[in-house]
C-alpha atoms as a PDB file:
ATOM      1  CA  MET A   1      12.207   9.242 -19.005  1.00  0.00           C
ATOM      2  CA  SER A   2       9.499   7.018 -17.656  1.00  0.00           C
ATOM      3  CA  GLY A   3       8.611   3.922 -19.574  1.00  0.00           C
ATOM      4  CA  ASP A   4       5.176   2.731 -20.553  1.00  0.00           C
ATOM      5  CA  GLY A   5       4.704  -0.427 -18.553  1.00  0.00           C
ATOM      6  CA  GLY A   6       2.583  -1.075 -15.524  1.00  0.00           C
ATOM      7  CA  ASP A   7       5.432   0.135 -13.363  1.00  0.00           C
ATOM      8  CA  GLY A   8       6.259   2.873 -15.849  1.00  0.00           C
ATOM      9  CA  GLY A   9       9.536   4.426 -14.907  1.00  0.00           C
ATOM     10  CA  ASN A  10      10.030   1.945 -12.074  1.00  0.00           C
ATOM     11  CA  ARG A  11      12.223   0.131 -14.513  1.00  0.00           C
ATOM     12  CA  ALA A  12      15.433  -1.257 -13.134  1.00  0.00           C
ATOM     13  CA  TYR A  13      18.128  -2.147 -15.603  1.00  0.00           C
ATOM     14  CA  GLY A  14      20.665  -4.715 -14.687  1.00  0.00           C
ATOM     15  CA  ARG A  15      23.895  -4.780 -16.589  1.00  0.00           C
ATOM     16  CA  LYS A  16      22.252  -6.621 -19.444  1.00  0.00           C
ATOM     17  CA  ALA A  17      18.885  -7.924 -18.288  1.00  0.00           C
ATOM     18  CA  PHE A  18      15.622  -6.013 -18.054  1.00  0.00           C
ATOM     19  CA  LYS A  19      13.873  -6.218 -14.680  1.00  0.00           C
ATOM     20  CA  ARG A  20      10.459  -4.852 -13.776  1.00  0.00           C
ATOM     21  CA  SER A  21      10.044  -3.449 -10.276  1.00  0.00           C
ATOM     22  CA  ARG A  22       6.998  -4.041  -8.147  1.00  0.00           C
ATOM     23  CA  SER A  23       4.368  -1.331  -7.856  1.00  0.00           C
ATOM     24  CA  HIS A  24       5.257   1.041  -5.040  1.00  0.00           C
ATOM     25  CA  PHE A  25       1.750   2.221  -4.185  1.00  0.00           C
ATOM     26  CA  ALA A  26      -0.247  -0.927  -3.548  1.00  0.00           C
ATOM     27  CA  ASP A  27      -3.243   0.347  -1.558  1.00  0.00           C
ATOM     28  CA  ARG A  28      -6.486  -1.300  -2.583  1.00  0.00           C
ATOM     29  CA  ILE A  29      -9.919   0.206  -3.165  1.00  0.00           C
ATOM     30  CA  THR A  30     -12.258  -2.324  -1.579  1.00  0.00           C
ATOM     31  CA  ALA A  31     -15.902  -2.794  -0.727  1.00  0.00           C
ATOM     32  CA  ASP A  32     -15.083  -2.633   3.004  1.00  0.00           C
ATOM     33  CA  GLY A  33     -12.492   0.138   2.710  1.00  0.00           C
ATOM     34  CA  ARG A  34      -9.900  -1.863   4.622  1.00  0.00           C
ATOM     35  CA  ASP A  35      -7.027   0.287   3.287  1.00  0.00           C
ATOM     36  CA  GLY A  36      -8.931   3.509   3.855  1.00  0.00           C
ATOM     37  CA  TRP A  37     -10.204   3.641   0.278  1.00  0.00           C
ATOM     38  CA  PRO A  38     -13.801   2.405   0.065  1.00  0.00           C
ATOM     39  CA  VAL A  39     -15.496   1.810  -3.266  1.00  0.00           C
ATOM     40  CA  GLU A  40     -17.596   4.896  -4.007  1.00  0.00           C
ATOM     41  CA  PRO A  41     -19.122   5.945  -7.315  1.00  0.00           C
ATOM     42  CA  GLY A  42     -17.538   9.086  -8.708  1.00  0.00           C
ATOM     43  CA  ARG A  43     -14.804   9.348  -6.106  1.00  0.00           C
ATOM     44  CA  TYR A  44     -11.884   8.001  -8.129  1.00  0.00           C
ATOM     45  CA  ARG A  45     -10.352   8.636 -11.541  1.00  0.00           C
ATOM     46  CA  LEU A  46      -8.561   5.991 -13.576  1.00  0.00           C
ATOM     47  CA  VAL A  47      -5.569   7.430 -15.424  1.00  0.00           C
ATOM     48  CA  VAL A  48      -4.356   5.434 -18.415  1.00  0.00           C
ATOM     49  CA  SER A  49      -2.478   5.553 -21.665  1.00  0.00           C
ATOM     50  CA  ARG A  50      -4.029   3.680 -24.561  1.00  0.00           C
ATOM     51  CA  ALA A  51      -0.472   2.838 -25.608  1.00  0.00           C
ATOM     52  CA  CYS A  52       0.309   0.879 -22.457  1.00  0.00           C
ATOM     53  CA  PRO A  53      -0.662  -2.816 -22.303  1.00  0.00           C
ATOM     54  CA  TRP A  54      -0.854  -2.784 -18.521  1.00  0.00           C
ATOM     55  CA  ALA A  55      -3.206   0.204 -18.527  1.00  0.00           C
ATOM     56  CA  SER A  56      -5.237  -1.332 -21.340  1.00  0.00           C
ATOM     57  CA  ARG A  57      -6.156  -4.196 -19.027  1.00  0.00           C
ATOM     58  CA  ALA A  58      -7.929  -1.722 -16.766  1.00  0.00           C
ATOM     59  CA  VAL A  59      -9.640   0.046 -19.684  1.00  0.00           C
ATOM     60  CA  ILE A  60     -11.045  -3.248 -21.007  1.00  0.00           C
ATOM     61  CA  SER A  61     -12.145  -4.479 -17.572  1.00  0.00           C
ATOM     62  CA  ARG A  62     -13.846  -1.184 -16.762  1.00  0.00           C
ATOM     63  CA  ARG A  63     -15.760  -1.304 -20.027  1.00  0.00           C
ATOM     64  CA  LEU A  64     -16.776  -4.976 -19.804  1.00  0.00           C
ATOM     65  CA  LEU A  65     -18.018  -4.439 -16.250  1.00  0.00           C
ATOM     66  CA  GLY A  66     -19.883  -1.254 -17.107  1.00  0.00           C
ATOM     67  CA  LEU A  67     -18.054   0.926 -14.617  1.00  0.00           C
ATOM     68  CA  GLU A  68     -17.866   3.990 -16.872  1.00  0.00           C
ATOM     69  CA  GLY A  69     -20.374   5.891 -14.748  1.00  0.00           C
ATOM     70  CA  ALA A  70     -18.708   4.954 -11.455  1.00  0.00           C
ATOM     71  CA  LEU A  71     -15.024   5.347 -12.314  1.00  0.00           C
ATOM     72  CA  SER A  72     -14.101   8.209 -14.638  1.00  0.00           C
ATOM     73  CA  LEU A  73     -11.315   7.892 -17.186  1.00  0.00           C
ATOM     74  CA  ALA A  74      -8.351  10.154 -17.958  1.00  0.00           C
ATOM     75  CA  ILE A  75      -6.327   9.412 -21.094  1.00  0.00           C
ATOM     76  CA  ALA A  76      -2.725  10.612 -21.217  1.00  0.00           C
ATOM     77  CA  ASP A  77      -0.767  11.648 -24.282  1.00  0.00           C
ATOM     78  CA  PRO A  78       1.052   8.593 -25.673  1.00  0.00           C
ATOM     79  CA  VAL A  79       4.253  10.612 -26.139  1.00  0.00           C
ATOM     80  CA  GLN A  80       5.857  11.564 -22.840  1.00  0.00           C
ATOM     81  CA  ASP A  81       8.327  14.264 -21.933  1.00  0.00           C
ATOM     82  CA  ASP A  82      10.823  14.335 -19.070  1.00  0.00           C
ATOM     83  CA  ARG A  83       7.979  14.555 -16.535  1.00  0.00           C
ATOM     84  CA  SER A  84       6.362  11.433 -17.952  1.00  0.00           C
ATOM     85  CA  TRP A  85       2.617  11.073 -18.546  1.00  0.00           C
ATOM     86  CA  ARG A  86       0.973  14.365 -19.465  1.00  0.00           C
ATOM     87  CA  PHE A  87      -2.572  15.508 -20.274  1.00  0.00           C
ATOM     88  CA  THR A  88      -1.912  17.340 -23.530  1.00  0.00           C
ATOM     89  CA  LEU A  89      -4.904  15.654 -25.179  1.00  0.00           C
ATOM     90  CA  ASP A  90      -7.178  17.816 -23.008  1.00  0.00           C
ATOM     91  CA  ALA A  91      -8.033  21.501 -23.247  1.00  0.00           C
ATOM     92  CA  ASP A  92      -5.364  23.757 -21.701  1.00  0.00           C
ATOM     93  CA  ASP A  93      -3.148  20.670 -21.359  1.00  0.00           C
ATOM     94  CA  ARG A  94      -4.871  19.809 -18.064  1.00  0.00           C
ATOM     95  CA  ASP A  95      -7.012  16.928 -16.967  1.00  0.00           C
ATOM     96  CA  PRO A  96     -10.491  18.456 -16.671  1.00  0.00           C
ATOM     97  CA  VAL A  97     -11.350  16.612 -13.459  1.00  0.00           C
ATOM     98  CA  LEU A  98      -8.078  16.573 -11.538  1.00  0.00           C
ATOM     99  CA  GLY A  99      -6.897  19.944 -12.853  1.00  0.00           C
ATOM    100  CA  ILE A 100      -3.308  18.744 -13.264  1.00  0.00           C
ATOM    101  CA  ARG A 101      -0.954  18.833 -16.231  1.00  0.00           C
ATOM    102  CA  TYR A 102       1.096  15.757 -15.290  1.00  0.00           C
ATOM    103  CA  LEU A 103       0.210  12.532 -13.519  1.00  0.00           C
ATOM    104  CA  SER A 104       3.337  13.093 -11.422  1.00  0.00           C
ATOM    105  CA  GLU A 105       1.429  15.820  -9.550  1.00  0.00           C
ATOM    106  CA  ALA A 106      -0.890  13.194  -8.074  1.00  0.00           C
ATOM    107  CA  TYR A 107       2.153  11.093  -7.145  1.00  0.00           C
ATOM    108  CA  ASP A 108       3.734  14.111  -5.439  1.00  0.00           C
ATOM    109  CA  LYS A 109       0.590  14.669  -3.376  1.00  0.00           C
ATOM    110  CA  ARG A 110       0.822  11.087  -2.191  1.00  0.00           C
ATOM    111  CA  GLU A 111       4.563  11.023  -1.474  1.00  0.00           C
ATOM    112  CA  THR A 112       6.785  14.057  -1.885  1.00  0.00           C
ATOM    113  CA  GLY A 113      10.079  13.226  -3.490  1.00  0.00           C
ATOM    114  CA  TYR A 114       9.050   9.704  -4.490  1.00  0.00           C
ATOM    115  CA  PRO A 115      12.169   8.372  -6.275  1.00  0.00           C
ATOM    116  CA  GLY A 116      10.445   5.889  -8.586  1.00  0.00           C
ATOM    117  CA  GLY A 117       8.833   6.395 -11.944  1.00  0.00           C
ATOM    118  CA  VAL A 118       5.350   7.617 -12.773  1.00  0.00           C
ATOM    119  CA  SER A 119       3.276   4.740 -14.075  1.00  0.00           C
ATOM    120  CA  VAL A 120      -0.082   3.897 -15.555  1.00  0.00           C
ATOM    121  CA  PRO A 121      -2.605   2.597 -14.806  1.00  0.00           C
ATOM    122  CA  ALA A 122      -3.059   4.755 -11.769  1.00  0.00           C
ATOM    123  CA  ILE A 123      -6.152   5.501  -9.719  1.00  0.00           C
ATOM    124  CA  VAL A 124      -6.389   8.949  -8.152  1.00  0.00           C
ATOM    125  CA  ASP A 125      -8.686  10.110  -5.361  1.00  0.00           C
ATOM    126  CA  VAL A 126     -10.524  13.052  -6.918  1.00  0.00           C
ATOM    127  CA  PRO A 127     -11.338  15.029  -3.714  1.00  0.00           C
ATOM    128  CA  SER A 128      -7.742  15.050  -2.474  1.00  0.00           C
ATOM    129  CA  GLY A 129      -5.933  14.720  -5.813  1.00  0.00           C
ATOM    130  CA  ARG A 130      -3.747  12.011  -4.286  1.00  0.00           C
ATOM    131  CA  LEU A 131      -2.621   8.831  -5.986  1.00  0.00           C
ATOM    132  CA  VAL A 132      -4.303   5.773  -4.459  1.00  0.00           C
ATOM    133  CA  THR A 133      -2.676   2.892  -6.317  1.00  0.00           C
ATOM    134  CA  ASN A 134      -0.516   2.035  -9.285  1.00  0.00           C
ATOM    135  CA  ASP A 135      -0.688  -1.710  -8.640  1.00  0.00           C
ATOM    136  CA  TYR A 136      -1.434  -2.784 -12.199  1.00  0.00           C
ATOM    137  CA  GLN A 137      -1.602  -6.471 -11.238  1.00  0.00           C
ATOM    138  CA  GLN A 138      -4.283  -5.923  -8.567  1.00  0.00           C
ATOM    139  CA  ILE A 139      -6.365  -3.076 -10.017  1.00  0.00           C
ATOM    140  CA  THR A 140      -8.273  -5.212 -12.501  1.00  0.00           C
ATOM    141  CA  LEU A 141      -8.852  -8.034 -10.035  1.00  0.00           C
ATOM    142  CA  ASP A 142     -10.398  -5.526  -7.645  1.00  0.00           C
ATOM    143  CA  LEU A 143     -12.555  -4.010 -10.382  1.00  0.00           C
ATOM    144  CA  ALA A 144     -13.929  -7.500 -10.992  1.00  0.00           C
ATOM    145  CA  THR A 145     -14.480  -8.434  -7.346  1.00  0.00           C
ATOM    146  CA  GLN A 146     -14.560  -5.402  -5.039  1.00  0.00           C
ATOM    147  CA  TRP A 147     -16.562  -3.121  -7.337  1.00  0.00           C
ATOM    148  CA  SER A 148     -19.303  -5.682  -8.020  1.00  0.00           C
ATOM    149  CA  ALA A 149     -22.069  -3.579  -6.428  1.00  0.00           C
ATOM    150  CA  LEU A 150     -21.479  -0.997  -9.156  1.00  0.00           C
ATOM    151  CA  HIS A 151     -21.238  -3.406 -12.101  1.00  0.00           C
ATOM    152  CA  ARG A 152     -23.729  -3.001 -14.921  1.00  0.00           C
ATOM    153  CA  PRO A 153     -26.627  -5.471 -15.156  1.00  0.00           C
ATOM    154  CA  GLY A 154     -25.371  -8.408 -17.184  1.00  0.00           C
ATOM    155  CA  ALA A 155     -21.704  -7.797 -16.424  1.00  0.00           C
ATOM    156  CA  PRO A 156     -19.540 -10.903 -16.899  1.00  0.00           C
ATOM    157  CA  ASP A 157     -17.700 -12.586 -14.047  1.00  0.00           C
ATOM    158  CA  LEU A 158     -14.102 -12.031 -15.097  1.00  0.00           C
ATOM    159  CA  TYR A 159     -12.605 -13.799 -12.089  1.00  0.00           C
ATOM    160  CA  PRO A 160     -15.004 -16.608 -11.121  1.00  0.00           C
ATOM    161  CA  PRO A 161     -14.127 -18.167  -7.754  1.00  0.00           C
ATOM    162  CA  ALA A 162     -14.280 -21.751  -9.004  1.00  0.00           C
ATOM    163  CA  LEU A 163     -11.650 -21.039 -11.681  1.00  0.00           C
ATOM    164  CA  ARG A 164      -9.314 -18.684  -9.843  1.00  0.00           C
ATOM    165  CA  ASP A 165      -6.532 -21.180  -9.198  1.00  0.00           C
ATOM    166  CA  GLU A 166      -6.367 -22.097 -12.887  1.00  0.00           C
ATOM    167  CA  ILE A 167      -6.688 -18.465 -13.968  1.00  0.00           C
ATOM    168  CA  ASP A 168      -3.872 -17.460 -11.610  1.00  0.00           C
ATOM    169  CA  THR A 169      -1.598 -20.199 -12.971  1.00  0.00           C
ATOM    170  CA  VAL A 170      -2.236 -19.259 -16.595  1.00  0.00           C
ATOM    171  CA  MET A 171      -1.811 -15.540 -15.872  1.00  0.00           C
ATOM    172  CA  ALA A 172       1.502 -16.131 -14.101  1.00  0.00           C
ATOM    173  CA  GLU A 173       2.857 -18.018 -17.113  1.00  0.00           C
ATOM    174  CA  VAL A 174       1.562 -15.417 -19.553  1.00  0.00           C
ATOM    175  CA  TYR A 175       3.037 -12.599 -17.484  1.00  0.00           C
ATOM    176  CA  GLU A 176       6.479 -14.147 -17.139  1.00  0.00           C
ATOM    177  CA  ASP A 177       7.043 -15.217 -20.729  1.00  0.00           C
ATOM    178  CA  VAL A 178       4.700 -13.049 -22.810  1.00  0.00           C
ATOM    179  CA  ASN A 179       3.508  -9.816 -21.136  1.00  0.00           C
ATOM    180  CA  ASN A 180       6.891  -9.111 -19.577  1.00  0.00           C
ATOM    181  CA  GLY A 181       8.860 -11.390 -21.865  1.00  0.00           C
ATOM    182  CA  VAL A 182       8.554  -9.061 -24.855  1.00  0.00           C
ATOM    183  CA  TYR A 183      10.028  -6.274 -22.711  1.00  0.00           C
ATOM    184  CA  ARG A 184      12.913  -8.469 -21.594  1.00  0.00           C
ATOM    185  CA  ALA A 185      13.664  -9.144 -25.245  1.00  0.00           C
ATOM    186  CA  GLY A 186      13.170  -5.555 -26.364  1.00  0.00           C
ATOM    187  CA  PHE A 187      15.276  -3.936 -23.658  1.00  0.00           C
ATOM    188  CA  ALA A 188      18.007  -6.576 -23.492  1.00  0.00           C
ATOM    189  CA  THR A 189      21.488  -5.139 -23.944  1.00  0.00           C
ATOM    190  CA  GLY A 190      23.230  -8.462 -24.384  1.00  0.00           C
ATOM    191  CA  GLN A 191      22.795 -11.076 -27.111  1.00  0.00           C
ATOM    192  CA  ARG A 192      22.471 -13.975 -24.700  1.00  0.00           C
ATOM    193  CA  GLU A 193      19.784 -12.258 -22.614  1.00  0.00           C
ATOM    194  CA  TYR A 194      17.861 -11.245 -25.723  1.00  0.00           C
ATOM    195  CA  GLU A 195      17.931 -14.736 -27.199  1.00  0.00           C
ATOM    196  CA  ALA A 196      16.779 -16.307 -23.936  1.00  0.00           C
ATOM    197  CA  ALA A 197      13.870 -13.893 -23.596  1.00  0.00           C
ATOM    198  CA  CYS A 198      12.825 -14.119 -27.239  1.00  0.00           C
ATOM    199  CA  THR A 199      12.990 -17.908 -27.171  1.00  0.00           C
ATOM    200  CA  ALA A 200      10.789 -17.980 -24.067  1.00  0.00           C
ATOM    201  CA  VAL A 201       8.242 -15.633 -25.683  1.00  0.00           C
ATOM    202  CA  PHE A 202       7.702 -17.905 -28.655  1.00  0.00           C
ATOM    203  CA  ALA A 203       7.842 -21.137 -26.670  1.00  0.00           C
ATOM    204  CA  ARG A 204       5.015 -19.835 -24.477  1.00  0.00           C
ATOM    205  CA  LEU A 205       3.034 -18.517 -27.443  1.00  0.00           C
ATOM    206  CA  GLU A 206       3.255 -21.920 -29.108  1.00  0.00           C
ATOM    207  CA  GLN A 207       2.091 -23.592 -25.893  1.00  0.00           C
ATOM    208  CA  LEU A 208      -0.827 -21.153 -25.674  1.00  0.00           C
ATOM    209  CA  ALA A 209      -1.719 -21.844 -29.306  1.00  0.00           C
ATOM    210  CA  ARG A 210      -1.946 -25.553 -28.524  1.00  0.00           C
ATOM    211  CA  ARG A 211      -4.162 -24.779 -25.529  1.00  0.00           C
ATOM    212  CA  LEU A 212      -6.452 -22.592 -27.619  1.00  0.00           C
ATOM    213  CA  GLU A 213      -6.698 -24.841 -30.654  1.00  0.00           C
ATOM    214  CA  ARG A 214      -9.774 -26.644 -29.338  1.00  0.00           C
ATOM    215  CA  ARG A 215     -11.069 -24.166 -26.760  1.00  0.00           C
ATOM    216  CA  ARG A 216     -12.279 -20.647 -27.387  1.00  0.00           C
ATOM    217  CA  TYR A 217     -10.955 -19.042 -24.203  1.00  0.00           C
ATOM    218  CA  LEU A 218      -7.996 -19.678 -21.932  1.00  0.00           C
ATOM    219  CA  VAL A 219      -9.916 -20.870 -18.865  1.00  0.00           C
ATOM    220  CA  GLY A 220     -13.494 -22.150 -18.891  1.00  0.00           C
ATOM    221  CA  ASP A 221     -15.948 -21.284 -21.639  1.00  0.00           C
ATOM    222  CA  THR A 222     -16.204 -17.531 -21.029  1.00  0.00           C
ATOM    223  CA  ILE A 223     -13.913 -14.507 -21.149  1.00  0.00           C
ATOM    224  CA  THR A 224     -11.878 -14.123 -17.977  1.00  0.00           C
ATOM    225  CA  GLU A 225      -9.094 -11.912 -16.663  1.00  0.00           C
ATOM    226  CA  ALA A 226      -6.617 -14.323 -18.259  1.00  0.00           C
ATOM    227  CA  ASP A 227      -7.887 -13.524 -21.755  1.00  0.00           C
ATOM    228  CA  ILE A 228      -7.685  -9.783 -21.116  1.00  0.00           C
ATOM    229  CA  ARG A 229      -4.047 -10.059 -20.052  1.00  0.00           C
ATOM    230  CA  LEU A 230      -2.991 -12.115 -23.058  1.00  0.00           C
ATOM    231  CA  PHE A 231      -4.962  -9.945 -25.497  1.00  0.00           C
ATOM    232  CA  THR A 232      -3.205  -6.706 -24.562  1.00  0.00           C
ATOM    233  CA  THR A 233       0.131  -8.184 -25.644  1.00  0.00           C
ATOM    234  CA  LEU A 234      -1.181  -9.954 -28.739  1.00  0.00           C
ATOM    235  CA  VAL A 235      -2.899  -6.844 -30.080  1.00  0.00           C
ATOM    236  CA  ARG A 236       0.443  -4.988 -29.962  1.00  0.00           C
ATOM    237  CA  PHE A 237       2.517  -7.848 -31.292  1.00  0.00           C
ATOM    238  CA  ASP A 238       2.827  -7.135 -35.007  1.00  0.00           C
ATOM    239  CA  ALA A 239       2.534  -3.363 -34.598  1.00  0.00           C
ATOM    240  CA  VAL A 240       5.440  -2.967 -32.176  1.00  0.00           C
ATOM    241  CA  TYR A 241       6.842  -6.110 -30.561  1.00  0.00           C
ATOM    242  CA  HIS A 242       7.726  -7.933 -33.778  1.00  0.00           C
ATOM    243  CA  GLY A 243       9.957  -5.173 -35.112  1.00  0.00           C
ATOM    244  CA  HIS A 244      10.640  -2.701 -32.311  1.00  0.00           C
ATOM    245  CA  PHE A 245      11.299  -5.362 -29.647  1.00  0.00           C
ATOM    246  CA  LYS A 246      12.870  -7.854 -32.109  1.00  0.00           C
ATOM    247  CA  CYS A 247      10.339 -10.583 -31.287  1.00  0.00           C
ATOM    248  CA  ASN A 248      10.410 -11.613 -34.909  1.00  0.00           C
ATOM    249  CA  ARG A 249      10.479 -15.382 -35.176  1.00  0.00           C
ATOM    250  CA  TRP A 250       7.006 -15.050 -36.644  1.00  0.00           C
ATOM    251  CA  LYS A 251       4.191 -12.547 -36.747  1.00  0.00           C
ATOM    252  CA  LEU A 252       0.897 -12.981 -34.951  1.00  0.00           C
ATOM    253  CA  THR A 253      -0.798 -13.088 -38.347  1.00  0.00           C
ATOM    254  CA  GLU A 254       1.332 -16.141 -39.205  1.00  0.00           C
ATOM    255  CA  ASN A 255       0.002 -18.222 -36.302  1.00  0.00           C
ATOM    256  CA  ARG A 256      -3.403 -19.532 -37.333  1.00  0.00           C
ATOM    257  CA  VAL A 257      -4.746 -20.185 -33.831  1.00  0.00           C
ATOM    258  CA  LEU A 258      -3.490 -17.096 -31.996  1.00  0.00           C
ATOM    259  CA  TRP A 259      -4.403 -14.780 -34.859  1.00  0.00           C
ATOM    260  CA  ALA A 260      -7.969 -16.114 -34.908  1.00  0.00           C
ATOM    261  CA  TYR A 261      -8.167 -15.937 -31.088  1.00  0.00           C
ATOM    262  CA  ALA A 262      -6.926 -12.336 -31.051  1.00  0.00           C
ATOM    263  CA  ARG A 263      -9.394 -11.332 -33.779  1.00  0.00           C
ATOM    264  CA  ASP A 264     -12.228 -13.009 -31.894  1.00  0.00           C
ATOM    265  CA  LEU A 265     -11.492 -10.897 -28.820  1.00  0.00           C
ATOM    266  CA  PHE A 266     -10.831  -7.746 -30.851  1.00  0.00           C
ATOM    267  CA  GLN A 267     -14.280  -8.048 -32.405  1.00  0.00           C
ATOM    268  CA  THR A 268     -15.905  -8.613 -29.002  1.00  0.00           C
ATOM    269  CA  PRO A 269     -17.401  -5.394 -27.560  1.00  0.00           C
ATOM    270  CA  GLY A 270     -15.096  -4.061 -24.859  1.00  0.00           C
ATOM    271  CA  PHE A 271     -11.841  -5.168 -26.482  1.00  0.00           C
ATOM    272  CA  GLY A 272     -11.169  -3.747 -29.947  1.00  0.00           C
ATOM    273  CA  ASP A 273     -13.204  -0.634 -29.293  1.00  0.00           C
ATOM    274  CA  THR A 274     -10.638   0.376 -26.641  1.00  0.00           C
ATOM    275  CA  VAL A 275      -7.544  -0.139 -28.841  1.00  0.00           C
ATOM    276  CA  ASP A 276      -5.780   2.849 -30.398  1.00  0.00           C
ATOM    277  CA  PHE A 277      -3.071   1.651 -32.788  1.00  0.00           C
ATOM    278  CA  ASP A 278      -1.978   5.227 -33.444  1.00  0.00           C
ATOM    279  CA  HIS A 279      -1.216   5.766 -29.732  1.00  0.00           C
ATOM    280  CA  ILE A 280       0.486   2.380 -29.499  1.00  0.00           C
ATOM    281  CA  LYS A 281       2.846   2.959 -32.414  1.00  0.00           C
ATOM    282  CA  ARG A 282       3.688   6.570 -31.616  1.00  0.00           C
ATOM    283  CA  HIS A 283       4.495   5.763 -28.011  1.00  0.00           C
ATOM    284  CA  TYR A 284       6.800   2.819 -28.563  1.00  0.00           C
ATOM    285  CA  TYR A 285       8.645   4.220 -31.565  1.00  0.00           C
ATOM    286  CA  GLN A 286       8.960   7.821 -30.317  1.00  0.00           C
ATOM    287  CA  VAL A 287       9.518   7.340 -26.577  1.00  0.00           C
ATOM    288  CA  HIS A 288      11.936   4.407 -26.601  1.00  0.00           C
ATOM    289  CA  THR A 289      14.772   6.420 -28.092  1.00  0.00           C
ATOM    290  CA  GLY A 290      17.372   3.967 -26.870  1.00  0.00           C
ATOM    291  CA  ILE A 291      15.887   1.381 -29.229  1.00  0.00           C
ATOM    292  CA  ASN A 292      14.667   3.685 -32.015  1.00  0.00           C
ATOM    293  CA  PRO A 293      16.843   6.822 -31.896  1.00  0.00           C
ATOM    294  CA  THR A 294      15.387   8.306 -35.106  1.00  0.00           C
ATOM    295  CA  GLY A 295      11.862   8.368 -33.685  1.00  0.00           C
ATOM    296  CA  ILE A 296      10.488   7.272 -37.045  1.00  0.00           C
ATOM    297  CA  VAL A 297       7.065   5.607 -36.757  1.00  0.00           C
ATOM    298  CA  PRO A 298       6.521   2.861 -39.362  1.00  0.00           C
ATOM    299  CA  LEU A 299       3.553   3.038 -41.700  1.00  0.00           C
ATOM    300  CA  GLY A 300       2.542  -0.605 -41.255  1.00  0.00           C
ATOM    301  CA  PRO A 301       1.261  -3.087 -40.522  1.00  0.00           C
ATOM    302  CA  ASP A 302      -2.031  -3.251 -42.412  1.00  0.00           C
ATOM    303  CA  LEU A 303      -4.776  -3.273 -39.761  1.00  0.00           C
ATOM    304  CA  SER A 304      -7.702  -4.360 -41.931  1.00  0.00           C
ATOM    305  CA  GLY A 305      -7.222  -8.009 -41.013  1.00  0.00           C
ATOM    306  CA  TRP A 306      -8.445  -7.379 -37.476  1.00  0.00           C
ATOM    307  CA  LEU A 307     -11.987  -7.147 -38.818  1.00  0.00           C
ATOM    308  CA  THR A 308     -11.955 -10.328 -40.911  1.00  0.00           C
ATOM    309  CA  PRO A 309     -13.976 -13.444 -39.901  1.00  0.00           C
ATOM    310  CA  HIS A 310     -12.308 -15.602 -37.250  1.00  0.00           C
ATOM    311  CA  HIS A 311     -14.726 -18.592 -37.027  1.00  0.00           C
ATOM    312  CA  ARG A 312     -13.818 -19.134 -33.360  1.00  0.00           C
ATOM    313  CA  GLN A 313     -17.517 -19.259 -32.464  1.00  0.00           C
ATOM    314  CA  GLU A 314     -17.496 -22.771 -33.930  1.00  0.00           C
ATOM    315  CA  LEU A 315     -15.613 -23.867 -30.788  1.00  0.00           C
ATOM    316  CA  GLY A 316     -18.606 -22.887 -28.653  1.00  0.00           C
ATOM    317  CA  GLY A 317     -18.113 -20.828 -25.555  1.00  0.00           C
ATOM    318  CA  ARG A 318     -20.162 -17.921 -24.292  1.00  0.00           C
ATOM    319  CA  PRO A 319     -18.180 -14.679 -24.290  1.00  0.00           C
ATOM    320  CA  PHE A 320     -20.134 -13.073 -21.421  1.00  0.00           C
ATOM    321  CA  GLY A 321     -21.413 -16.215 -19.739  1.00  0.00           C
ATOM    322  CA  ASP A 322     -24.961 -15.609 -18.561  1.00  0.00           C
ATOM    323  CA  GLY A 323     -24.436 -11.873 -19.033  1.00  0.00           C
ATOM    324  CA  THR A 324     -24.619  -9.510 -21.956  1.00  0.00           C
ATOM    325  CA  PRO A 325     -22.219  -7.390 -24.034  1.00  0.00           C
ATOM    326  CA  PRO A 326     -21.466  -3.866 -22.859  1.00  0.00           C
ATOM    327  CA  GLY A 327     -23.357  -1.012 -24.477  1.00  0.00           C
ATOM    328  CA  PRO A 328     -21.930   1.592 -26.846  1.00  0.00           C
ATOM    329  CA  VAL A 329     -18.664   3.307 -25.991  1.00  0.00           C
ATOM    330  CA  PRO A 330     -19.343   6.651 -24.257  1.00  0.00           C
ATOM    331  CA  ALA A 331     -18.927   9.518 -26.718  1.00  0.00           C
ATOM    332  CA  GLY A 332     -15.932  11.037 -24.968  1.00  0.00           C
ATOM    333  CA  GLU A 333     -14.063   7.725 -24.883  1.00  0.00           C
ATOM    334  CA  ARG A 334     -14.292   6.641 -28.529  1.00  0.00           C
ATOM    335  CA  VAL A 335     -11.018   5.847 -30.245  1.00  0.00           C
ATOM    336  CA  PRO A 336     -10.360   8.344 -33.088  1.00  0.00           C
ATOM    337  CA  ALA A 337     -10.580   6.975 -36.621  1.00  0.00           C
ATOM    338  CA  ARG A 338      -6.811   7.203 -37.161  1.00  0.00           C
ATOM    339  CA  GLY A 339      -6.280   4.640 -34.380  1.00  0.00           C
ATOM    340  CA  ARG A 340      -8.767   2.055 -35.659  1.00  0.00           C
ATOM    341  CA  PRO A 341      -8.595  -0.542 -38.467  1.00  0.00           C
END
């Protein structure tokens, strides 16, 4: 069964250590169409799962940049079957735009017999029904830079040129020890590998807490791609990584700085309004049967704390820089009440 990460089922297991494969389909959608895929409003469809942290990056970026009208959104069922991501949340169990029941159908149109897994996020070319890219590391960077002609007025600069070197460094550290580190801990099959991964997760989180103690955002004084990538792991931490992945040295709510930072972002338009805790919990606890064979989904944790005051505004910073917050969530994309605090 495919997994939930950015490379989905492209998950290679060593004897004891978890390894994440690179995205197989790495074409880029660019302003100049250099890979044969030019930016065009309405041409492409972004397929995501709200359960997946890698896909959630793209959902947040799309919303912050105001690309809802240019890049349509398909949301897959958080619980997969043996054909992976499926569109059972839609009428007739089919995506209403692509007309397919499984994301794998778009993969098959791109490469028949592709041996890897079916992953989200994925961008599909609507006219042909073919997968364009599943490169979860590059998709959001391109949304921020290549799709700029279609950004909403007042959209933030999520990848400012003057800060890119620092952003890239921070993102690489966050990816290695936090974004992917929780998976290395959760899917470890040996004690030594688990302990090494778990230790690295918390060492990096403590370093990030020190960095964020006197600054509101990771790089500069505005929200950047680096904050989006850290947030998607932090928002899942207590709900699934603490128990399900055994990253349990402490909870996010027990770290004063990171808990306030995560709440600050959650309460920022474009972040919390994309998070579905119901999808997150059901996916991890019901799909990862090797870790949770009973499929029981826990009742907790209490989510009400996400809406409590964070006081991070006292550190200054301008969430959207010289821009403005995104508008209301489109009606068809609102998170159901059962998934919200």
